[in-house]
Amino acid sequence: MSKRIGLTIPDAINEKLERWAEAEGRPVANLCNFIIEKAVREAEERGDVPKQKDIPATESKGK
């Protein structure tokens, strides 16, 4: 399942993303998705992302 997130970025970064996305013929949101996925994959390969731990079904955040 996909999740939606919201983020706030500086105007200068947004302007650069808009130019980049336009040059590639894609929406800014699609470009951001690509950039984030690529960064996470690379971080995983470097070992920067902790391994997912199995959490018993009876436990959840906030409880």
PDB file of N, CA and C in Angstrom:
ATOM      1  N   MET A   1       0.849  -1.173   0.000  1.00  0.00           N
ATOM      2  CA  MET A   1       0.000   0.000   0.000  1.00  0.00           C
ATOM      3  C   MET A   1       0.896   1.237   0.000  1.00  0.00           C
ATOM      4  N   SER A   2       0.511   2.237  -0.707  1.00  0.00           N
ATOM      5  CA  SER A   2       1.248   3.498  -0.744  1.00  0.00           C
ATOM      6  C   SER A   2       0.717   4.433   0.328  1.00  0.00           C
ATOM      7  N   LYS A   3       1.578   5.300   0.813  1.00  0.00           N
ATOM      8  CA  LYS A   3       1.203   6.302   1.820  1.00  0.00           C
ATOM      9  C   LYS A   3       1.445   7.685   1.246  1.00  0.00           C
ATOM     10  N   ARG A   4       0.643   8.634   1.697  1.00  0.00           N
ATOM     11  CA  ARG A   4       0.832  10.031   1.303  1.00  0.00           C
ATOM     12  C   ARG A   4       1.487  10.761   2.463  1.00  0.00           C
ATOM     13  N   ILE A   5       2.409  11.653   2.127  1.00  0.00           N
ATOM     14  CA  ILE A   5       3.018  12.507   3.136  1.00  0.00           C
ATOM     15  C   ILE A   5       3.001  13.937   2.621  1.00  0.00           C
ATOM     16  N   GLY A   6       3.119  14.861   3.514  1.00  0.00           N
ATOM     17  CA  GLY A   6       3.231  16.268   3.141  1.00  0.00           C
ATOM     18  C   GLY A   6       4.561  16.789   3.663  1.00  0.00           C
ATOM     19  N   LEU A   7       5.176  17.673   2.914  1.00  0.00           N
ATOM     20  CA  LEU A   7       6.416  18.255   3.386  1.00  0.00           C
ATOM     21  C   LEU A   7       6.515  19.692   2.929  1.00  0.00           C
ATOM     22  N   THR A   8       7.311  20.447   3.643  1.00  0.00           N
ATOM     23  CA  THR A   8       7.541  21.843   3.318  1.00  0.00           C
ATOM     24  C   THR A   8       8.991  21.993   2.900  1.00  0.00           C
ATOM     25  N   ILE A   9       9.207  22.615   1.754  1.00  0.00           N
ATOM     26  CA  ILE A   9      10.562  22.797   1.245  1.00  0.00           C
ATOM     27  C   ILE A   9      10.793  24.276   0.943  1.00  0.00           C
ATOM     28  N   PRO A  10      12.048  24.701   0.973  1.00  0.00           N
ATOM     29  CA  PRO A  10      12.335  26.101   0.644  1.00  0.00           C
ATOM     30  C   PRO A  10      11.929  26.429  -0.796  1.00  0.00           C
ATOM     31  N   ASP A  11      11.563  27.685  -1.020  1.00  0.00           N
ATOM     32  CA  ASP A  11      11.154  28.126  -2.356  1.00  0.00           C
ATOM     33  C   ASP A  11      12.215  27.826  -3.408  1.00  0.00           C
ATOM     34  N   ALA A  12      13.480  28.038  -3.070  1.00  0.00           N
ATOM     35  CA  ALA A  12      14.557  27.817  -4.041  1.00  0.00           C
ATOM     36  C   ALA A  12      14.618  26.357  -4.478  1.00  0.00           C
ATOM     37  N   ILE A  13      14.415  25.439  -3.539  1.00  0.00           N
ATOM     38  CA  ILE A  13      14.424  24.009  -3.877  1.00  0.00           C
ATOM     39  C   ILE A  13      13.215  23.681  -4.737  1.00  0.00           C
ATOM     40  N   ASN A  14      12.064  24.238  -4.393  1.00  0.00           N
ATOM     41  CA  ASN A  14      10.855  23.996  -5.186  1.00  0.00           C
ATOM     42  C   ASN A  14      11.040  24.468  -6.623  1.00  0.00           C
ATOM     43  N   GLU A  15      11.638  25.634  -6.789  1.00  0.00           N
ATOM     44  CA  GLU A  15      11.860  26.153  -8.142  1.00  0.00           C
ATOM     45  C   GLU A  15      12.764  25.217  -8.947  1.00  0.00           C
ATOM     46  N   LYS A  16      13.799  24.695  -8.307  1.00  0.00           N
ATOM     47  CA  LYS A  16      14.706  23.762  -8.991  1.00  0.00           C
ATOM     48  C   LYS A  16      13.990  22.463  -9.339  1.00  0.00           C
ATOM     49  N   LEU A  17      13.171  21.972  -8.403  1.00  0.00           N
ATOM     50  CA  LEU A  17      12.409  20.753  -8.676  1.00  0.00           C
ATOM     51  C   LEU A  17      11.443  20.967  -9.840  1.00  0.00           C
ATOM     52  N   GLU A  18      10.804  22.131  -9.880  1.00  0.00           N
ATOM     53  CA  GLU A  18       9.881  22.423 -10.980  1.00  0.00           C
ATOM     54  C   GLU A  18      10.603  22.422 -12.322  1.00  0.00           C
ATOM     55  N   ARG A  19      11.785  23.037 -12.381  1.00  0.00           N
ATOM     56  CA  ARG A  19      12.551  23.055 -13.637  1.00  0.00           C
ATOM     57  C   ARG A  19      12.980  21.652 -14.032  1.00  0.00           C
ATOM     58  N   TRP A  20      13.439  20.878 -13.062  1.00  0.00           N
ATOM     59  CA  TRP A  20      13.889  19.504 -13.306  1.00  0.00           C
ATOM     60  C   TRP A  20      12.729  18.657 -13.812  1.00  0.00           C
ATOM     61  N   ALA A  21      11.593  18.730 -13.116  1.00  0.00           N
ATOM     62  CA  ALA A  21      10.418  17.944 -13.501  1.00  0.00           C
ATOM     63  C   ALA A  21       9.942  18.332 -14.899  1.00  0.00           C
ATOM     64  N   GLU A  22       9.924  19.629 -15.182  1.00  0.00           N
ATOM     65  CA  GLU A  22       9.493  20.079 -16.508  1.00  0.00           C
ATOM     66  C   GLU A  22      10.434  19.548 -17.592  1.00  0.00           C
ATOM     67  N   ALA A  23      11.727  19.552 -17.317  1.00  0.00           N
ATOM     68  CA  ALA A  23      12.704  19.056 -18.293  1.00  0.00           C
ATOM     69  C   ALA A  23      12.504  17.571 -18.579  1.00  0.00           C
ATOM     70  N   GLU A  24      12.006  16.838 -17.580  1.00  0.00           N
ATOM     71  CA  GLU A  24      11.770  15.403 -17.748  1.00  0.00           C
ATOM     72  C   GLU A  24      10.335  15.084 -18.144  1.00  0.00           C
ATOM     73  N   GLY A  25       9.485  16.106 -18.229  1.00  0.00           N
ATOM     74  CA  GLY A  25       8.101  15.896 -18.634  1.00  0.00           C
ATOM     75  C   GLY A  25       7.286  15.117 -17.624  1.00  0.00           C
ATOM     76  N   ARG A  26       7.521  15.403 -16.361  1.00  0.00           N
ATOM     77  CA  ARG A  26       6.771  14.703 -15.310  1.00  0.00           C
ATOM     78  C   ARG A  26       6.347  15.694 -14.233  1.00  0.00           C
ATOM     79  N   PRO A  27       5.348  15.334 -13.433  1.00  0.00           N
ATOM     80  CA  PRO A  27       4.934  16.204 -12.331  1.00  0.00           C
ATOM     81  C   PRO A  27       6.015  16.258 -11.243  1.00  0.00           C
ATOM     82  N   VAL A  28       6.034  17.359 -10.510  1.00  0.00           N
ATOM     83  CA  VAL A  28       6.999  17.512  -9.420  1.00  0.00           C
ATOM     84  C   VAL A  28       6.832  16.388  -8.397  1.00  0.00           C
ATOM     85  N   ALA A  29       5.598  16.032  -8.061  1.00  0.00           N
ATOM     86  CA  ALA A  29       5.366  14.974  -7.071  1.00  0.00           C
ATOM     87  C   ALA A  29       5.979  13.653  -7.520  1.00  0.00           C
ATOM     88  N   ASN A  30       5.866  13.348  -8.810  1.00  0.00           N
ATOM     89  CA  ASN A  30       6.442  12.119  -9.342  1.00  0.00           C
ATOM     90  C   ASN A  30       7.961  12.156  -9.252  1.00  0.00           C
ATOM     91  N   LEU A  31       8.562  13.294  -9.564  1.00  0.00           N
ATOM     92  CA  LEU A  31      10.011  13.441  -9.457  1.00  0.00           C
ATOM     93  C   LEU A  31      10.458  13.281  -8.011  1.00  0.00           C
ATOM     94  N   CYS A  32       9.735  13.900  -7.083  1.00  0.00           N
ATOM     95  CA  CYS A  32      10.079  13.781  -5.662  1.00  0.00           C
ATOM     96  C   CYS A  32       9.995  12.336  -5.202  1.00  0.00           C
ATOM     97  N   ASN A  33       8.977  11.618  -5.651  1.00  0.00           N
ATOM     98  CA  ASN A  33       8.845  10.208  -5.310  1.00  0.00           C
ATOM     99  C   ASN A  33      10.064   9.430  -5.795  1.00  0.00           C
ATOM    100  N   PHE A  34      10.474   9.673  -7.034  1.00  0.00           N
ATOM    101  CA  PHE A  34      11.647   9.011  -7.600  1.00  0.00           C
ATOM    102  C   PHE A  34      12.906   9.317  -6.780  1.00  0.00           C
ATOM    103  N   ILE A  35      13.106  10.594  -6.449  1.00  0.00           N
ATOM    104  CA  ILE A  35      14.292  11.004  -5.693  1.00  0.00           C
ATOM    105  C   ILE A  35      14.319  10.344  -4.316  1.00  0.00           C
ATOM    106  N   ILE A  36      13.183  10.329  -3.634  1.00  0.00           N
ATOM    107  CA  ILE A  36      13.119   9.739  -2.294  1.00  0.00           C
ATOM    108  C   ILE A  36      13.360   8.238  -2.350  1.00  0.00           C
ATOM    109  N   GLU A  37      12.703   7.549  -3.283  1.00  0.00           N
ATOM    110  CA  GLU A  37      12.908   6.101  -3.402  1.00  0.00           C
ATOM    111  C   GLU A  37      14.371   5.778  -3.672  1.00  0.00           C
ATOM    112  N   LYS A  38      14.997   6.528  -4.562  1.00  0.00           N
ATOM    113  CA  LYS A  38      16.409   6.304  -4.898  1.00  0.00           C
ATOM    114  C   LYS A  38      17.296   6.534  -3.674  1.00  0.00           C
ATOM    115  N   ALA A  39      17.035   7.600  -2.935  1.00  0.00           N
ATOM    116  CA  ALA A  39      17.831   7.910  -1.747  1.00  0.00           C
ATOM    117  C   ALA A  39      17.688   6.828  -0.678  1.00  0.00           C
ATOM    118  N   VAL A  40      16.479   6.317  -0.487  1.00  0.00           N
ATOM    119  CA  VAL A  40      16.255   5.272   0.514  1.00  0.00           C
ATOM    120  C   VAL A  40      16.949   3.978   0.107  1.00  0.00           C
ATOM    121  N   ARG A  41      16.843   3.601  -1.174  1.00  0.00           N
ATOM    122  CA  ARG A  41      17.538   2.388  -1.645  1.00  0.00           C
ATOM    123  C   ARG A  41      19.043   2.506  -1.432  1.00  0.00           C
ATOM    124  N   GLU A  42      19.599   3.659  -1.766  1.00  0.00           N
ATOM    125  CA  GLU A  42      21.036   3.865  -1.595  1.00  0.00           C
ATOM    126  C   GLU A  42      21.428   3.838  -0.119  1.00  0.00           C
ATOM    127  N   ALA A  43      20.603   4.420   0.744  1.00  0.00           N
ATOM    128  CA  ALA A  43      20.872   4.398   2.185  1.00  0.00           C
ATOM    129  C   ALA A  43      20.820   2.971   2.722  1.00  0.00           C
ATOM    130  N   GLU A  44      19.869   2.177   2.224  1.00  0.00           N
ATOM    131  CA  GLU A  44      19.788   0.769   2.629  1.00  0.00           C
ATOM    132  C   GLU A  44      21.046   0.019   2.224  1.00  0.00           C
ATOM    133  N   GLU A  45      21.511   0.258   1.003  1.00  0.00           N
ATOM    134  CA  GLU A  45      22.710  -0.421   0.514  1.00  0.00           C
ATOM    135  C   GLU A  45      23.935  -0.069   1.352  1.00  0.00           C
ATOM    136  N   ARG A  46      23.990   1.163   1.874  1.00  0.00           N
ATOM    137  CA  ARG A  46      25.106   1.586   2.720  1.00  0.00           C
ATOM    138  C   ARG A  46      24.948   1.094   4.151  1.00  0.00           C
ATOM    139  N   GLY A  47      23.756   0.581   4.488  1.00  0.00           N
ATOM    140  CA  GLY A  47      23.493   0.124   5.845  1.00  0.00           C
ATOM    141  C   GLY A  47      23.035   1.236   6.769  1.00  0.00           C
ATOM    142  N   ASP A  48      22.620   2.369   6.212  1.00  0.00           N
ATOM    143  CA  ASP A  48      22.174   3.500   7.021  1.00  0.00           C
ATOM    144  C   ASP A  48      20.748   3.345   7.545  1.00  0.00           C
ATOM    145  N   VAL A  49      19.962   2.470   6.930  1.00  0.00           N
ATOM    146  CA  VAL A  49      18.574   2.261   7.343  1.00  0.00           C
ATOM    147  C   VAL A  49      18.537   1.020   8.228  1.00  0.00           C
ATOM    148  N   PRO A  50      18.089   1.173   9.495  1.00  0.00           N
ATOM    149  CA  PRO A  50      18.015   0.002  10.372  1.00  0.00           C
ATOM    150  C   PRO A  50      17.094  -1.061   9.790  1.00  0.00           C
ATOM    151  N   LYS A  51      17.416  -2.308  10.058  1.00  0.00           N
ATOM    152  CA  LYS A  51      16.573  -3.417   9.619  1.00  0.00           C
ATOM    153  C   LYS A  51      15.242  -3.336  10.346  1.00  0.00           C
ATOM    154  N   GLN A  52      14.191  -3.768   9.651  1.00  0.00           N
ATOM    155  CA  GLN A  52      12.859  -3.768  10.248  1.00  0.00           C
ATOM    156  C   GLN A  52      12.801  -4.863  11.298  1.00  0.00           C
ATOM    157  N   LYS A  53      12.296  -4.519  12.477  1.00  0.00           N
ATOM    158  CA  LYS A  53      12.147  -5.498  13.549  1.00  0.00           C
ATOM    159  C   LYS A  53      10.728  -6.039  13.524  1.00  0.00           C
ATOM    160  N   ASP A  54      10.601  -7.300  13.840  1.00  0.00           N
ATOM    161  CA  ASP A  54       9.266  -7.886  13.930  1.00  0.00           C
ATOM    162  C   ASP A  54       8.627  -7.424  15.232  1.00  0.00           C
ATOM    163  N   ILE A  55       7.471  -6.791  15.119  1.00  0.00           N
ATOM    164  CA  ILE A  55       6.744  -6.316  16.289  1.00  0.00           C
ATOM    165  C   ILE A  55       5.512  -7.193  16.451  1.00  0.00           C
ATOM    166  N   PRO A  56       5.340  -7.801  17.640  1.00  0.00           N
ATOM    167  CA  PRO A  56       4.150  -8.638  17.851  1.00  0.00           C
ATOM    168  C   PRO A  56       2.871  -7.854  17.568  1.00  0.00           C
ATOM    169  N   ALA A  57       1.866  -8.529  17.063  1.00  0.00           N
ATOM    170  CA  ALA A  57       0.603  -7.902  16.662  1.00  0.00           C
ATOM    171  C   ALA A  57      -0.079  -7.183  17.816  1.00  0.00           C
ATOM    172  N   THR A  58       0.189  -7.572  19.057  1.00  0.00           N
ATOM    173  CA  THR A  58      -0.467  -6.951  20.209  1.00  0.00           C
ATOM    174  C   THR A  58       0.163  -5.620  20.575  1.00  0.00           C
ATOM    175  N   GLU A  59       1.350  -5.323  20.046  1.00  0.00           N
ATOM    176  CA  GLU A  59       2.015  -4.061  20.348  1.00  0.00           C
ATOM    177  C   GLU A  59       1.833  -3.103  19.184  1.00  0.00           C
ATOM    178  N   SER A  60       1.695  -1.830  19.497  1.00  0.00           N
ATOM    179  CA  SER A  60       1.663  -0.809  18.457  1.00  0.00           C
ATOM    180  C   SER A  60       2.172   0.492  19.043  1.00  0.00           C
ATOM    181  N   LYS A  61       2.551   1.413  18.190  1.00  0.00           N
ATOM    182  CA  LYS A  61       3.036   2.704  18.660  1.00  0.00           C
ATOM    183  C   LYS A  61       1.914   3.448  19.362  1.00  0.00           C
ATOM    184  N   GLY A  62       2.290   4.168  20.405  1.00  0.00           N
ATOM    185  CA  GLY A  62       1.319   4.984  21.102  1.00  0.00           C
ATOM    186  C   GLY A  62       0.589   4.263  22.214  1.00  0.00           C
ATOM    187  N   LYS A  63       0.831   2.981  22.372  1.00  0.00           N
ATOM    188  CA  LYS A  63       0.161   2.251  23.457  1.00  0.00           C
ATOM    189  C   LYS A  63       1.138   1.950  24.556  1.00  0.00           C
TER     190      LYS A  63
END
